[in-house]
C-alpha atoms as a PDB file:
ATOM      1  CA  UNK A   1     -17.873  -4.612  29.414  1.00  0.00           C
ATOM      2  CA  UNK A   2     -17.695  -1.443  27.476  1.00  0.00           C
ATOM      3  CA  UNK A   3     -20.336   1.039  28.428  1.00  0.00           C
ATOM      4  CA  UNK A   4     -23.087   2.139  25.798  1.00  0.00           C
ATOM      5  CA  UNK A   5     -22.888   5.993  25.926  1.00  0.00           C
ATOM      6  CA  UNK A   6     -25.444   6.546  23.238  1.00  0.00           C
ATOM      7  CA  UNK A   7     -28.367   7.166  25.610  1.00  0.00           C
ATOM      8  CA  UNK A   8     -26.413   9.713  27.567  1.00  0.00           C
ATOM      9  CA  UNK A   9     -25.714  11.744  24.376  1.00  0.00           C
ATOM     10  CA  UNK A  10     -29.340  11.409  23.215  1.00  0.00           C
ATOM     11  CA  UNK A  11     -30.413  12.702  26.485  1.00  0.00           C
ATOM     12  CA  UNK A  12     -28.181  15.826  26.170  1.00  0.00           C
ATOM     13  CA  UNK A  13     -29.552  16.268  22.495  1.00  0.00           C
ATOM     14  CA  UNK A  14     -33.206  16.207  24.186  1.00  0.00           C
ATOM     15  CA  UNK A  15     -32.109  19.026  26.480  1.00  0.00           C
ATOM     16  CA  UNK A  16     -30.962  21.042  23.512  1.00  0.00           C
ATOM     17  CA  UNK A  17     -34.214  20.488  21.956  1.00  0.00           C
ATOM     18  CA  UNK A  18     -36.326  21.339  24.836  1.00  0.00           C
ATOM     19  CA  UNK A  19     -34.298  24.389  25.777  1.00  0.00           C
ATOM     20  CA  UNK A  20     -33.215  27.638  23.913  1.00  0.00           C
ATOM     21  CA  UNK A  21     -29.617  28.536  23.150  1.00  0.00           C
ATOM     22  CA  UNK A  22     -29.169  32.248  24.210  1.00  0.00           C
ATOM     23  CA  UNK A  23     -26.028  33.697  22.654  1.00  0.00           C
ATOM     24  CA  UNK A  24     -24.676  36.499  24.804  1.00  0.00           C
ATOM     25  CA  UNK A  25     -20.927  36.270  23.947  1.00  0.00           C
ATOM     26  CA  UNK A  26     -21.116  36.394  20.213  1.00  0.00           C
ATOM     27  CA  UNK A  27     -18.141  35.346  18.080  1.00  0.00           C
ATOM     28  CA  UNK A  28     -15.397  37.882  18.160  1.00  0.00           C
ATOM     29  CA  UNK A  29     -16.515  39.744  21.119  1.00  0.00           C
ATOM     30  CA  UNK A  30     -13.969  40.378  23.959  1.00  0.00           C
ATOM     31  CA  UNK A  31     -13.989  38.487  27.224  1.00  0.00           C
ATOM     32  CA  UNK A  32     -15.195  40.594  30.181  1.00  0.00           C
ATOM     33  CA  UNK A  33     -12.236  39.888  32.604  1.00  0.00           C
ATOM     34  CA  UNK A  34      -9.576  39.280  29.708  1.00  0.00           C
ATOM     35  CA  UNK A  35     -10.227  42.288  27.293  1.00  0.00           C
ATOM     36  CA  UNK A  36      -7.391  40.970  24.878  1.00  0.00           C
ATOM     37  CA  UNK A  37      -9.064  37.692  24.454  1.00  0.00           C
ATOM     38  CA  UNK A  38     -11.792  37.238  21.823  1.00  0.00           C
ATOM     39  CA  UNK A  39     -14.481  34.608  21.504  1.00  0.00           C
ATOM     40  CA  UNK A  40     -13.556  32.358  18.672  1.00  0.00           C
ATOM     41  CA  UNK A  41     -17.352  31.209  18.302  1.00  0.00           C
ATOM     42  CA  UNK A  42     -20.576  32.007  19.440  1.00  0.00           C
ATOM     43  CA  UNK A  43     -20.951  31.208  23.237  1.00  0.00           C
ATOM     44  CA  UNK A  44     -24.180  31.601  25.374  1.00  0.00           C
ATOM     45  CA  UNK A  45     -26.079  29.354  27.635  1.00  0.00           C
ATOM     46  CA  UNK A  46     -28.816  26.913  27.702  1.00  0.00           C
ATOM     47  CA  UNK A  47     -32.264  28.095  29.036  1.00  0.00           C
ATOM     48  CA  UNK A  48     -34.580  25.405  30.100  1.00  0.00           C
ATOM     49  CA  UNK A  49     -38.336  26.146  30.723  1.00  0.00           C
ATOM     50  CA  UNK A  50     -38.749  23.921  33.683  1.00  0.00           C
ATOM     51  CA  UNK A  51     -35.290  24.244  35.254  1.00  0.00           C
ATOM     52  CA  UNK A  52     -35.551  25.088  39.112  1.00  0.00           C
ATOM     53  CA  UNK A  53     -31.836  24.899  40.037  1.00  0.00           C
ATOM     54  CA  UNK A  54     -30.946  28.191  38.465  1.00  0.00           C
ATOM     55  CA  UNK A  55     -27.553  26.974  37.090  1.00  0.00           C
ATOM     56  CA  UNK A  56     -26.762  27.963  33.465  1.00  0.00           C
ATOM     57  CA  UNK A  57     -25.114  25.437  31.199  1.00  0.00           C
ATOM     58  CA  UNK A  58     -22.777  27.084  28.812  1.00  0.00           C
ATOM     59  CA  UNK A  59     -23.212  26.419  25.062  1.00  0.00           C
ATOM     60  CA  UNK A  60     -20.451  26.696  22.153  1.00  0.00           C
ATOM     61  CA  UNK A  61     -22.233  26.988  19.014  1.00  0.00           C
ATOM     62  CA  UNK A  62     -20.649  26.591  15.552  1.00  0.00           C
ATOM     63  CA  UNK A  63     -21.913  26.531  11.847  1.00  0.00           C
ATOM     64  CA  UNK A  64     -22.549  22.822  11.800  1.00  0.00           C
ATOM     65  CA  UNK A  65     -25.792  20.901  12.912  1.00  0.00           C
ATOM     66  CA  UNK A  66     -27.570  22.814  15.629  1.00  0.00           C
ATOM     67  CA  UNK A  67     -29.418  19.924  16.885  1.00  0.00           C
ATOM     68  CA  UNK A  68     -26.766  17.384  18.370  1.00  0.00           C
ATOM     69  CA  UNK A  69     -24.120  17.781  20.879  1.00  0.00           C
ATOM     70  CA  UNK A  70     -20.790  16.765  19.401  1.00  0.00           C
ATOM     71  CA  UNK A  71     -18.846  17.097  22.750  1.00  0.00           C
ATOM     72  CA  UNK A  72     -18.602  18.279  26.488  1.00  0.00           C
ATOM     73  CA  UNK A  73     -16.194  20.639  27.438  1.00  0.00           C
ATOM     74  CA  UNK A  74     -14.767  20.680  30.857  1.00  0.00           C
ATOM     75  CA  UNK A  75     -12.769  23.552  32.007  1.00  0.00           C
ATOM     76  CA  UNK A  76     -11.091  23.795  35.484  1.00  0.00           C
ATOM     77  CA  UNK A  77     -10.292  27.015  37.303  1.00  0.00           C
ATOM     78  CA  UNK A  78      -7.767  26.060  39.710  1.00  0.00           C
ATOM     79  CA  UNK A  79      -7.478  29.575  41.126  1.00  0.00           C
ATOM     80  CA  UNK A  80     -11.114  29.667  42.121  1.00  0.00           C
ATOM     81  CA  UNK A  81     -11.647  25.927  42.445  1.00  0.00           C
ATOM     82  CA  UNK A  82     -14.373  25.910  39.991  1.00  0.00           C
ATOM     83  CA  UNK A  83     -15.526  23.552  37.147  1.00  0.00           C
ATOM     84  CA  UNK A  84     -16.872  25.062  34.198  1.00  0.00           C
ATOM     85  CA  UNK A  85     -19.249  22.807  31.917  1.00  0.00           C
ATOM     86  CA  UNK A  86     -20.117  23.502  28.339  1.00  0.00           C
ATOM     87  CA  UNK A  87     -22.152  21.752  25.566  1.00  0.00           C
ATOM     88  CA  UNK A  88     -20.381  21.800  22.115  1.00  0.00           C
ATOM     89  CA  UNK A  89     -22.783  22.154  19.211  1.00  0.00           C
ATOM     90  CA  UNK A  90     -21.825  22.350  15.617  1.00  0.00           C
ATOM     91  CA  UNK A  91     -17.968  22.594  16.048  1.00  0.00           C
ATOM     92  CA  UNK A  92     -15.607  20.346  14.084  1.00  0.00           C
ATOM     93  CA  UNK A  93     -12.335  19.112  15.537  1.00  0.00           C
ATOM     94  CA  UNK A  94     -10.232  22.014  14.490  1.00  0.00           C
ATOM     95  CA  UNK A  95     -12.871  24.652  15.789  1.00  0.00           C
ATOM     96  CA  UNK A  96     -12.914  22.680  19.156  1.00  0.00           C
ATOM     97  CA  UNK A  97      -9.443  23.083  19.406  1.00  0.00           C
ATOM     98  CA  UNK A  98      -9.716  26.723  19.004  1.00  0.00           C
ATOM     99  CA  UNK A  99     -12.204  26.806  21.886  1.00  0.00           C
ATOM    100  CA  UNK A 100      -9.862  24.716  24.003  1.00  0.00           C
ATOM    101  CA  UNK A 101      -6.946  27.355  23.258  1.00  0.00           C
ATOM    102  CA  UNK A 102      -9.333  30.123  24.285  1.00  0.00           C
ATOM    103  CA  UNK A 103      -9.699  28.611  27.973  1.00  0.00           C
ATOM    104  CA  UNK A 104      -6.107  28.524  27.988  1.00  0.00           C
ATOM    105  CA  UNK A 105      -5.690  32.204  27.276  1.00  0.00           C
ATOM    106  CA  UNK A 106      -7.865  32.963  30.350  1.00  0.00           C
ATOM    107  CA  UNK A 107      -6.058  30.751  32.594  1.00  0.00           C
ATOM    108  CA  UNK A 108      -8.311  27.600  32.471  1.00  0.00           C
ATOM    109  CA  UNK A 109      -7.396  24.094  31.787  1.00  0.00           C
ATOM    110  CA  UNK A 110      -9.883  22.565  29.442  1.00  0.00           C
ATOM    111  CA  UNK A 111     -10.452  19.256  27.976  1.00  0.00           C
ATOM    112  CA  UNK A 112     -13.291  18.027  25.599  1.00  0.00           C
ATOM    113  CA  UNK A 113     -15.098  14.718  25.756  1.00  0.00           C
ATOM    114  CA  UNK A 114     -15.927  13.665  22.450  1.00  0.00           C
ATOM    115  CA  UNK A 115     -19.193  12.016  21.349  1.00  0.00           C
ATOM    116  CA  UNK A 116     -17.161  10.145  18.647  1.00  0.00           C
ATOM    117  CA  UNK A 117     -18.598   6.515  18.356  1.00  0.00           C
ATOM    118  CA  UNK A 118     -16.197   3.709  19.965  1.00  0.00           C
ATOM    119  CA  UNK A 119     -16.391   2.153  16.391  1.00  0.00           C
ATOM    120  CA  UNK A 120     -14.848   5.240  14.965  1.00  0.00           C
ATOM    121  CA  UNK A 121     -12.298   5.612  17.704  1.00  0.00           C
ATOM    122  CA  UNK A 122     -10.891   2.236  16.611  1.00  0.00           C
ATOM    123  CA  UNK A 123     -10.069   3.567  13.242  1.00  0.00           C
ATOM    124  CA  UNK A 124      -7.886   6.388  14.689  1.00  0.00           C
ATOM    125  CA  UNK A 125      -6.521   4.625  17.764  1.00  0.00           C
ATOM    126  CA  UNK A 126      -4.939   1.472  15.994  1.00  0.00           C
ATOM    127  CA  UNK A 127      -1.398   1.545  15.757  1.00  0.00           C
ATOM    128  CA  UNK A 128       1.572  -0.665  14.254  1.00  0.00           C
ATOM    129  CA  UNK A 129       3.184  -2.230  17.182  1.00  0.00           C
ATOM    130  CA  UNK A 130       6.572  -3.807  16.945  1.00  0.00           C
ATOM    131  CA  UNK A 131       7.236  -4.845  20.461  1.00  0.00           C
ATOM    132  CA  UNK A 132       5.157  -7.419  22.210  1.00  0.00           C
ATOM    133  CA  UNK A 133       4.764  -8.758  25.767  1.00  0.00           C
ATOM    134  CA  UNK A 134       5.704 -12.364  26.328  1.00  0.00           C
ATOM    135  CA  UNK A 135       2.289 -13.370  26.690  1.00  0.00           C
ATOM    136  CA  UNK A 136       0.583 -16.129  24.588  1.00  0.00           C
ATOM    137  CA  UNK A 137      -2.585 -15.432  22.426  1.00  0.00           C
ATOM    138  CA  UNK A 138      -5.212 -17.906  22.799  1.00  0.00           C
ATOM    139  CA  UNK A 139      -6.196 -19.893  19.998  1.00  0.00           C
ATOM    140  CA  UNK A 140      -9.865 -18.954  20.407  1.00  0.00           C
ATOM    141  CA  UNK A 141      -9.091 -15.319  20.340  1.00  0.00           C
ATOM    142  CA  UNK A 142      -7.138 -15.273  16.974  1.00  0.00           C
ATOM    143  CA  UNK A 143      -9.778 -17.467  15.438  1.00  0.00           C
ATOM    144  CA  UNK A 144     -12.325 -14.940  16.320  1.00  0.00           C
ATOM    145  CA  UNK A 145     -10.044 -12.189  14.616  1.00  0.00           C
ATOM    146  CA  UNK A 146      -9.875 -14.296  11.536  1.00  0.00           C
ATOM    147  CA  UNK A 147     -13.583 -14.988  11.530  1.00  0.00           C
ATOM    148  CA  UNK A 148     -14.107 -11.182  11.727  1.00  0.00           C
ATOM    149  CA  UNK A 149     -11.647 -10.471   9.032  1.00  0.00           C
ATOM    150  CA  UNK A 150     -13.582 -12.902   6.671  1.00  0.00           C
ATOM    151  CA  UNK A 151     -16.500 -10.519   6.789  1.00  0.00           C
ATOM    152  CA  UNK A 152     -14.574  -8.221   4.583  1.00  0.00           C
ATOM    153  CA  UNK A 153     -16.038  -7.476   1.199  1.00  0.00           C
ATOM    154  CA  UNK A 154     -14.333  -9.288  -1.979  1.00  0.00           C
ATOM    155  CA  UNK A 155     -14.838  -9.019  -5.829  1.00  0.00           C
ATOM    156  CA  UNK A 156     -17.663 -11.572  -6.908  1.00  0.00           C
ATOM    157  CA  UNK A 157     -17.721 -12.690  -3.344  1.00  0.00           C
ATOM    158  CA  UNK A 158     -14.994 -15.032  -4.073  1.00  0.00           C
ATOM    159  CA  UNK A 159     -13.098 -14.646  -0.616  1.00  0.00           C
ATOM    160  CA  UNK A 160      -9.926 -15.437  -1.898  1.00  0.00           C
ATOM    161  CA  UNK A 161      -8.105 -14.870   1.422  1.00  0.00           C
ATOM    162  CA  UNK A 162      -6.261 -17.584   3.229  1.00  0.00           C
ATOM    163  CA  UNK A 163      -4.515 -17.353   6.831  1.00  0.00           C
ATOM    164  CA  UNK A 164      -1.874 -19.316   8.109  1.00  0.00           C
ATOM    165  CA  UNK A 165      -1.283 -19.023  11.996  1.00  0.00           C
ATOM    166  CA  UNK A 166       2.217 -19.505  13.252  1.00  0.00           C
ATOM    167  CA  UNK A 167       2.580 -20.235  16.857  1.00  0.00           C
ATOM    168  CA  UNK A 168       5.666 -22.321  17.071  1.00  0.00           C
ATOM    169  CA  UNK A 169       9.180 -20.974  17.115  1.00  0.00           C
ATOM    170  CA  UNK A 170      10.045 -23.546  14.484  1.00  0.00           C
ATOM    171  CA  UNK A 171       7.481 -22.477  12.066  1.00  0.00           C
ATOM    172  CA  UNK A 172       8.489 -18.679  12.600  1.00  0.00           C
ATOM    173  CA  UNK A 173      12.038 -19.685  12.173  1.00  0.00           C
ATOM    174  CA  UNK A 174      11.696 -21.526   8.745  1.00  0.00           C
ATOM    175  CA  UNK A 175       9.618 -18.518   7.441  1.00  0.00           C
ATOM    176  CA  UNK A 176      12.227 -15.877   8.725  1.00  0.00           C
ATOM    177  CA  UNK A 177      14.998 -17.907   7.374  1.00  0.00           C
ATOM    178  CA  UNK A 178      13.343 -18.351   3.835  1.00  0.00           C
ATOM    179  CA  UNK A 179      12.418 -14.656   3.719  1.00  0.00           C
ATOM    180  CA  UNK A 180      16.035 -13.682   4.939  1.00  0.00           C
ATOM    181  CA  UNK A 181      17.627 -15.600   2.306  1.00  0.00           C
ATOM    182  CA  UNK A 182      15.785 -13.861  -0.513  1.00  0.00           C
ATOM    183  CA  UNK A 183      16.343 -10.505   1.057  1.00  0.00           C
ATOM    184  CA  UNK A 184      20.022 -11.161   1.534  1.00  0.00           C
ATOM    185  CA  UNK A 185      20.337 -11.891  -2.286  1.00  0.00           C
ATOM    186  CA  UNK A 186      18.353  -8.765  -3.162  1.00  0.00           C
ATOM    187  CA  UNK A 187      20.441  -6.620  -0.978  1.00  0.00           C
ATOM    188  CA  UNK A 188      23.727  -8.114  -2.487  1.00  0.00           C
ATOM    189  CA  UNK A 189      22.525  -7.353  -5.921  1.00  0.00           C
ATOM    190  CA  UNK A 190      21.871  -3.816  -4.769  1.00  0.00           C
ATOM    191  CA  UNK A 191      25.466  -3.608  -3.616  1.00  0.00           C
ATOM    192  CA  UNK A 192      24.555  -3.242   0.238  1.00  0.00           C
ATOM    193  CA  UNK A 193      27.517  -4.062   2.675  1.00  0.00           C
ATOM    194  CA  UNK A 194      27.690  -7.373   4.277  1.00  0.00           C
ATOM    195  CA  UNK A 195      27.511  -5.833   7.678  1.00  0.00           C
ATOM    196  CA  UNK A 196      24.382  -3.997   6.946  1.00  0.00           C
ATOM    197  CA  UNK A 197      22.832  -6.997   5.305  1.00  0.00           C
ATOM    198  CA  UNK A 198      23.565  -8.908   8.491  1.00  0.00           C
ATOM    199  CA  UNK A 199      22.000  -6.312  10.752  1.00  0.00           C
ATOM    200  CA  UNK A 200      18.776  -5.911   8.715  1.00  0.00           C
ATOM    201  CA  UNK A 201      18.463  -9.869   8.513  1.00  0.00           C
ATOM    202  CA  UNK A 202      19.099 -10.151  12.296  1.00  0.00           C
ATOM    203  CA  UNK A 203      16.517  -7.390  12.787  1.00  0.00           C
ATOM    204  CA  UNK A 204      13.789  -8.964  10.773  1.00  0.00           C
ATOM    205  CA  UNK A 205      14.432 -12.455  12.395  1.00  0.00           C
ATOM    206  CA  UNK A 206      14.268 -11.398  15.859  1.00  0.00           C
ATOM    207  CA  UNK A 207      11.198  -9.283  15.290  1.00  0.00           C
ATOM    208  CA  UNK A 208       9.207 -12.291  13.847  1.00  0.00           C
ATOM    209  CA  UNK A 209      10.595 -14.602  16.617  1.00  0.00           C
ATOM    210  CA  UNK A 210       9.769 -12.085  19.498  1.00  0.00           C
ATOM    211  CA  UNK A 211       5.981 -12.002  18.508  1.00  0.00           C
ATOM    212  CA  UNK A 212       3.722 -14.405  20.197  1.00  0.00           C
ATOM    213  CA  UNK A 213       2.306 -15.535  16.890  1.00  0.00           C
ATOM    214  CA  UNK A 214       2.405 -14.469  13.245  1.00  0.00           C
ATOM    215  CA  UNK A 215      -0.387 -14.852  10.573  1.00  0.00           C
ATOM    216  CA  UNK A 216       0.849 -15.355   6.887  1.00  0.00           C
ATOM    217  CA  UNK A 217      -2.009 -13.675   4.709  1.00  0.00           C
ATOM    218  CA  UNK A 218      -2.364 -15.373   1.352  1.00  0.00           C
ATOM    219  CA  UNK A 219      -4.226 -15.241  -1.817  1.00  0.00           C
ATOM    220  CA  UNK A 220      -5.845 -18.513  -3.099  1.00  0.00           C
ATOM    221  CA  UNK A 221      -5.295 -18.197  -6.843  1.00  0.00           C
ATOM    222  CA  UNK A 222      -7.709 -21.184  -7.414  1.00  0.00           C
ATOM    223  CA  UNK A 223     -10.720 -18.675  -6.410  1.00  0.00           C
ATOM    224  CA  UNK A 224      -9.763 -16.129  -9.166  1.00  0.00           C
ATOM    225  CA  UNK A 225     -11.977 -16.243 -12.286  1.00  0.00           C
ATOM    226  CA  UNK A 226      -9.408 -17.512 -15.124  1.00  0.00           C
ATOM    227  CA  UNK A 227     -11.701 -16.707 -18.223  1.00  0.00           C
ATOM    228  CA  UNK A 228     -11.744 -13.836 -20.796  1.00  0.00           C
ATOM    229  CA  UNK A 229      -8.873 -11.870 -22.147  1.00  0.00           C
ATOM    230  CA  UNK A 230      -5.574 -11.245 -20.761  1.00  0.00           C
ATOM    231  CA  UNK A 231      -6.626  -7.795 -19.747  1.00  0.00           C
ATOM    232  CA  UNK A 232      -9.484  -9.225 -17.865  1.00  0.00           C
ATOM    233  CA  UNK A 233      -7.710 -12.105 -16.339  1.00  0.00           C
ATOM    234  CA  UNK A 234      -5.230  -9.437 -15.235  1.00  0.00           C
ATOM    235  CA  UNK A 235      -7.983  -7.146 -13.677  1.00  0.00           C
ATOM    236  CA  UNK A 236      -9.473 -10.381 -11.817  1.00  0.00           C
ATOM    237  CA  UNK A 237      -6.142 -11.065 -10.335  1.00  0.00           C
ATOM    238  CA  UNK A 238      -5.613  -7.460  -9.099  1.00  0.00           C
ATOM    239  CA  UNK A 239      -9.340  -7.564  -7.703  1.00  0.00           C
ATOM    240  CA  UNK A 240      -8.347 -10.695  -5.755  1.00  0.00           C
ATOM    241  CA  UNK A 241      -5.415  -8.973  -4.344  1.00  0.00           C
ATOM    242  CA  UNK A 242      -7.643  -5.974  -3.351  1.00  0.00           C
ATOM    243  CA  UNK A 243      -9.863  -8.484  -1.926  1.00  0.00           C
ATOM    244  CA  UNK A 244      -7.209  -9.989   0.394  1.00  0.00           C
ATOM    245  CA  UNK A 245      -5.940  -6.645   1.422  1.00  0.00           C
ATOM    246  CA  UNK A 246      -9.421  -5.584   2.467  1.00  0.00           C
ATOM    247  CA  UNK A 247      -9.605  -8.800   4.754  1.00  0.00           C
ATOM    248  CA  UNK A 248      -6.074  -7.924   6.100  1.00  0.00           C
ATOM    249  CA  UNK A 249      -7.222  -4.361   6.987  1.00  0.00           C
ATOM    250  CA  UNK A 250     -10.336  -5.854   8.802  1.00  0.00           C
ATOM    251  CA  UNK A 251      -8.034  -8.421  10.504  1.00  0.00           C
ATOM    252  CA  UNK A 252      -5.742  -5.368  12.038  1.00  0.00           C
ATOM    253  CA  UNK A 253      -8.950  -3.471  13.322  1.00  0.00           C
ATOM    254  CA  UNK A 254     -10.747  -6.692  14.712  1.00  0.00           C
ATOM    255  CA  UNK A 255      -7.394  -7.475  16.547  1.00  0.00           C
ATOM    256  CA  UNK A 256      -7.329  -3.926  17.991  1.00  0.00           C
ATOM    257  CA  UNK A 257     -11.014  -4.146  18.946  1.00  0.00           C
ATOM    258  CA  UNK A 258     -10.148  -7.324  20.853  1.00  0.00           C
ATOM    259  CA  UNK A 259      -7.231  -5.846  22.743  1.00  0.00           C
ATOM    260  CA  UNK A 260      -4.469  -7.305  20.510  1.00  0.00           C
ATOM    261  CA  UNK A 261      -1.652  -5.531  18.815  1.00  0.00           C
ATOM    262  CA  UNK A 262      -0.527  -5.938  15.330  1.00  0.00           C
ATOM    263  CA  UNK A 263       2.177  -4.831  12.701  1.00  0.00           C
ATOM    264  CA  UNK A 264       1.878  -5.359   8.899  1.00  0.00           C
ATOM    265  CA  UNK A 265       5.035  -6.796   7.201  1.00  0.00           C
ATOM    266  CA  UNK A 266       5.409  -6.614   3.470  1.00  0.00           C
ATOM    267  CA  UNK A 267       8.409  -9.116   3.285  1.00  0.00           C
ATOM    268  CA  UNK A 268       6.360 -12.232   1.929  1.00  0.00           C
ATOM    269  CA  UNK A 269       5.233 -10.148  -1.079  1.00  0.00           C
ATOM    270  CA  UNK A 270       8.775 -10.328  -2.431  1.00  0.00           C
ATOM    271  CA  UNK A 271       9.281 -13.959  -1.647  1.00  0.00           C
ATOM    272  CA  UNK A 272       5.999 -15.841  -2.006  1.00  0.00           C
ATOM    273  CA  UNK A 273       7.658 -19.009  -3.336  1.00  0.00           C
ATOM    274  CA  UNK A 274      10.206 -19.130  -0.602  1.00  0.00           C
ATOM    275  CA  UNK A 275       7.404 -18.597   2.077  1.00  0.00           C
ATOM    276  CA  UNK A 276       5.174 -21.208   0.207  1.00  0.00           C
ATOM    277  CA  UNK A 277       8.063 -23.855   0.508  1.00  0.00           C
ATOM    278  CA  UNK A 278       9.038 -22.994   4.036  1.00  0.00           C
ATOM    279  CA  UNK A 279       5.754 -23.612   5.281  1.00  0.00           C
ATOM    280  CA  UNK A 280       4.604 -26.486   3.166  1.00  0.00           C
ATOM    281  CA  UNK A 281       1.580 -24.463   1.777  1.00  0.00           C
ATOM    282  CA  UNK A 282      -0.827 -25.631  -1.008  1.00  0.00           C
ATOM    283  CA  UNK A 283       0.611 -24.527  -4.343  1.00  0.00           C
ATOM    284  CA  UNK A 284      -2.428 -22.124  -4.957  1.00  0.00           C
ATOM    285  CA  UNK A 285      -1.796 -20.222  -1.699  1.00  0.00           C
ATOM    286  CA  UNK A 286       0.247 -17.137  -2.639  1.00  0.00           C
ATOM    287  CA  UNK A 287       1.818 -15.217   0.298  1.00  0.00           C
ATOM    288  CA  UNK A 288       1.010 -11.578   0.363  1.00  0.00           C
ATOM    289  CA  UNK A 289       1.914 -10.249   3.899  1.00  0.00           C
ATOM    290  CA  UNK A 290       2.930 -11.337   7.328  1.00  0.00           C
ATOM    291  CA  UNK A 291       1.047  -9.970  10.387  1.00  0.00           C
ATOM    292  CA  UNK A 292       2.609 -10.059  13.763  1.00  0.00           C
ATOM    293  CA  UNK A 293       0.134 -10.444  16.664  1.00  0.00           C
ATOM    294  CA  UNK A 294       0.503  -9.935  20.368  1.00  0.00           C
ATOM    295  CA  UNK A 295      -0.236  -7.746  23.417  1.00  0.00           C
ATOM    296  CA  UNK A 296       1.463  -4.339  23.003  1.00  0.00           C
ATOM    297  CA  UNK A 297       4.560  -3.699  25.200  1.00  0.00           C
ATOM    298  CA  UNK A 298       4.629   0.061  23.669  1.00  0.00           C
ATOM    299  CA  UNK A 299       2.387   2.664  22.810  1.00  0.00           C
ATOM    300  CA  UNK A 300       3.686   4.400  19.491  1.00  0.00           C
ATOM    301  CA  UNK A 301       3.235   8.072  18.932  1.00  0.00           C
ATOM    302  CA  UNK A 302       0.544   8.649  16.092  1.00  0.00           C
ATOM    303  CA  UNK A 303       2.377   9.460  12.970  1.00  0.00           C
ATOM    304  CA  UNK A 304       1.274  12.590  11.079  1.00  0.00           C
ATOM    305  CA  UNK A 305      -1.619  12.464   8.678  1.00  0.00           C
ATOM    306  CA  UNK A 306      -1.888  14.229   5.492  1.00  0.00           C
ATOM    307  CA  UNK A 307      -4.577  16.807   5.501  1.00  0.00           C
ATOM    308  CA  UNK A 308      -7.828  16.180   3.532  1.00  0.00           C
ATOM    309  CA  UNK A 309      -6.931  19.110   1.027  1.00  0.00           C
ATOM    310  CA  UNK A 310      -3.696  16.866   0.020  1.00  0.00           C
ATOM    311  CA  UNK A 311      -5.667  13.595  -0.630  1.00  0.00           C
ATOM    312  CA  UNK A 312      -9.276  14.634  -1.696  1.00  0.00           C
ATOM    313  CA  UNK A 313     -10.784  16.376  -4.676  1.00  0.00           C
ATOM    314  CA  UNK A 314     -14.292  17.475  -5.392  1.00  0.00           C
ATOM    315  CA  UNK A 315     -15.336  17.124  -9.033  1.00  0.00           C
END
């Protein structure tokens, strides 16, 4: 069972509130033993009124909120066999990295223990996994994932998502063959060589077959409001697509939270009729994506992310 760390962090906040942070190594000052190294941010210690141990707890202080501990920094001095513990207050991730580098410059090995809630870590630790262990996924577990996905928001609360769970090799083979035939025709029209087409189709087929199960994410067109002008109907359809995508994203996070790995494949979007026919789906179920699910046999390296300056504007 996952441990609730919130009381621990709240206790550190209480220590910070009861004590006084004395800054004796201000930002820009030189280290006493390493005069070529400057403190990147204010550093001091926490003075507690009733402390009898005489031990001082270092504090790194930035320009952020001064009343909450955002991390604990542990720095090991292997030469003197010492462990330095510091509270980190008001530093963001980039600033904390600068403090970690500071310890490296003075010969210590430092690692931060972040306060980041487990729920937020799920957002940064989820990965797209394409290789799975040969282990089945229990029906109850995938049903739990889908139930959680269905809590996603949707336009007009229409909940237009539908999930088709493929567990048998036969069902996965029918779908992969149908998607593959559409892909083959598209690639031929693009002038791709027969050899490359064969390789791509085999890679796609093997990927689907190797997954313990696959979930076809569909949009139910019967749930879409059909009244209004052409522009309004088009908008309603786009809102339904957005709603299904929200449920799909929530599916990925729910699966990750429950120990499962996933990868999102867009192939059904280019062959919805073929997918519908291969799996004998209701006419109103329009395929949007295929999610492969299982237990990861790999831990992919996190891909780079664009900086906030590239994706955000204030107006």
